[in-house]
Amino acid sequence: MFPSAILACSTCRVTMIAGGGDAAGWSIFFLLGVILAVLGGIGLFMFRMARREKEHLDPSLSDDYVPSDPTR
């Protein structure tokens, strides 16, 4: 048996061979770009939120928490 016959039906295999297989490669590349754009947007949002929180923090609203010494 041929491995390509096991991996895909005959219609998909013939279409992939006839089309050159470029569509599958470009779709994977496109989806990778979309995933990177979404993750970059989430990271940028978190960075901006942390920066704005640091710039606009009112010291009177912060507590004076000092962690206890765990060795005692």
C-alpha atoms as a PDB file:
ATOM      1  CA  MET A   1       0.000   0.000   0.000  1.00  0.00           C
ATOM      2  CA  PHE A   2       1.116   3.523  -0.696  1.00  0.00           C
ATOM      3  CA  PRO A   3       1.329   5.878   2.293  1.00  0.00           C
ATOM      4  CA  SER A   4      -0.478   8.668   0.427  1.00  0.00           C
ATOM      5  CA  ALA A   5      -3.446   6.370  -0.161  1.00  0.00           C
ATOM      6  CA  ILE A   6      -3.668   5.721   3.562  1.00  0.00           C
ATOM      7  CA  LEU A   7      -3.472   9.392   4.567  1.00  0.00           C
ATOM      8  CA  ALA A   8      -6.157  10.849   2.281  1.00  0.00           C
ATOM      9  CA  CYS A   9      -9.125   9.828   0.209  1.00  0.00           C
ATOM     10  CA  SER A  10      -8.553   9.589  -3.522  1.00  0.00           C
ATOM     11  CA  THR A  11     -10.346  12.858  -4.297  1.00  0.00           C
ATOM     12  CA  CYS A  12      -8.288  14.846  -1.807  1.00  0.00           C
ATOM     13  CA  ARG A  13      -5.056  13.176  -2.890  1.00  0.00           C
ATOM     14  CA  VAL A  14      -5.628  13.783  -6.608  1.00  0.00           C
ATOM     15  CA  THR A  15      -6.694  17.382  -6.035  1.00  0.00           C
ATOM     16  CA  MET A  16      -3.642  18.030  -3.848  1.00  0.00           C
ATOM     17  CA  ILE A  17      -1.285  16.571  -6.449  1.00  0.00           C
ATOM     18  CA  ALA A  18      -2.969  18.402  -9.341  1.00  0.00           C
ATOM     19  CA  GLY A  19      -3.079  21.718  -7.491  1.00  0.00           C
ATOM     20  CA  GLY A  20       0.539  21.537  -6.434  1.00  0.00           C
ATOM     21  CA  GLY A  21      -0.263  21.481  -2.727  1.00  0.00           C
ATOM     22  CA  ASP A  22       0.164  25.230  -2.395  1.00  0.00           C
ATOM     23  CA  ALA A  23      -3.242  25.800  -0.824  1.00  0.00           C
ATOM     24  CA  ALA A  24      -2.479  23.685   2.239  1.00  0.00           C
ATOM     25  CA  GLY A  25       0.878  25.371   2.756  1.00  0.00           C
ATOM     26  CA  TRP A  26      -0.531  28.885   2.418  1.00  0.00           C
ATOM     27  CA  SER A  27      -3.453  28.126   4.710  1.00  0.00           C
ATOM     28  CA  ILE A  28      -1.082  26.911   7.428  1.00  0.00           C
ATOM     29  CA  PHE A  29       1.065  30.023   6.952  1.00  0.00           C
ATOM     30  CA  PHE A  30      -2.014  32.263   7.133  1.00  0.00           C
ATOM     31  CA  LEU A  31      -3.304  30.608  10.307  1.00  0.00           C
ATOM     32  CA  LEU A  32       0.122  30.939  11.905  1.00  0.00           C
ATOM     33  CA  GLY A  33       0.010  34.661  11.130  1.00  0.00           C
ATOM     34  CA  VAL A  34      -3.449  34.968  12.675  1.00  0.00           C
ATOM     35  CA  ILE A  35      -2.365  33.146  15.837  1.00  0.00           C
ATOM     36  CA  LEU A  36       0.739  35.317  16.199  1.00  0.00           C
ATOM     37  CA  ALA A  37      -1.306  38.487  15.670  1.00  0.00           C
ATOM     38  CA  VAL A  38      -3.845  37.491  18.339  1.00  0.00           C
ATOM     39  CA  LEU A  39      -1.137  36.538  20.853  1.00  0.00           C
ATOM     40  CA  GLY A  40       0.736  39.756  20.099  1.00  0.00           C
ATOM     41  CA  GLY A  41      -2.434  41.783  20.657  1.00  0.00           C
ATOM     42  CA  ILE A  42      -3.077  40.094  23.985  1.00  0.00           C
ATOM     43  CA  GLY A  43       0.526  40.672  25.060  1.00  0.00           C
ATOM     44  CA  LEU A  44       0.389  44.335  24.003  1.00  0.00           C
ATOM     45  CA  PHE A  45      -2.859  44.806  25.897  1.00  0.00           C
ATOM     46  CA  MET A  46      -1.388  43.307  29.075  1.00  0.00           C
ATOM     47  CA  PHE A  47       1.781  45.425  28.757  1.00  0.00           C
ATOM     48  CA  ARG A  48      -0.199  48.647  28.286  1.00  0.00           C
ATOM     49  CA  MET A  49      -2.509  47.793  31.179  1.00  0.00           C
ATOM     50  CA  ALA A  50       0.437  47.174  33.532  1.00  0.00           C
ATOM     51  CA  ARG A  51       2.196  50.359  32.395  1.00  0.00           C
ATOM     52  CA  ARG A  52      -0.912  52.491  32.894  1.00  0.00           C
ATOM     53  CA  GLU A  53      -1.510  50.949  36.313  1.00  0.00           C
ATOM     54  CA  LYS A  54       2.008  51.845  37.361  1.00  0.00           C
ATOM     55  CA  GLU A  55       1.744  55.428  36.027  1.00  0.00           C
ATOM     56  CA  HIS A  56      -1.627  56.202  37.625  1.00  0.00           C
ATOM     57  CA  LEU A  57      -1.268  54.390  40.951  1.00  0.00           C
ATOM     58  CA  ASP A  58      -2.404  56.497  43.882  1.00  0.00           C
ATOM     59  CA  PRO A  59       0.014  55.835  46.786  1.00  0.00           C
ATOM     60  CA  SER A  60      -2.709  56.548  49.349  1.00  0.00           C
ATOM     61  CA  LEU A  61      -4.656  53.529  48.074  1.00  0.00           C
ATOM     62  CA  SER A  62      -1.789  51.049  48.394  1.00  0.00           C
ATOM     63  CA  ASP A  63      -1.408  49.003  51.550  1.00  0.00           C
ATOM     64  CA  ASP A  64       1.743  48.623  53.613  1.00  0.00           C
ATOM     65  CA  TYR A  65       1.884  44.846  53.385  1.00  0.00           C
ATOM     66  CA  VAL A  66       5.168  43.361  54.549  1.00  0.00           C
ATOM     67  CA  PRO A  67       5.426  39.578  54.143  1.00  0.00           C
ATOM     68  CA  SER A  68       6.205  37.699  57.303  1.00  0.00           C
ATOM     69  CA  ASP A  69       9.559  36.007  57.720  1.00  0.00           C
ATOM     70  CA  PRO A  70       9.042  32.285  57.015  1.00  0.00           C
ATOM     71  CA  THR A  71      12.111  31.301  59.066  1.00  0.00           C
ATOM     72  CA  ARG A  72      10.395  32.204  62.370  1.00  0.00           C
END
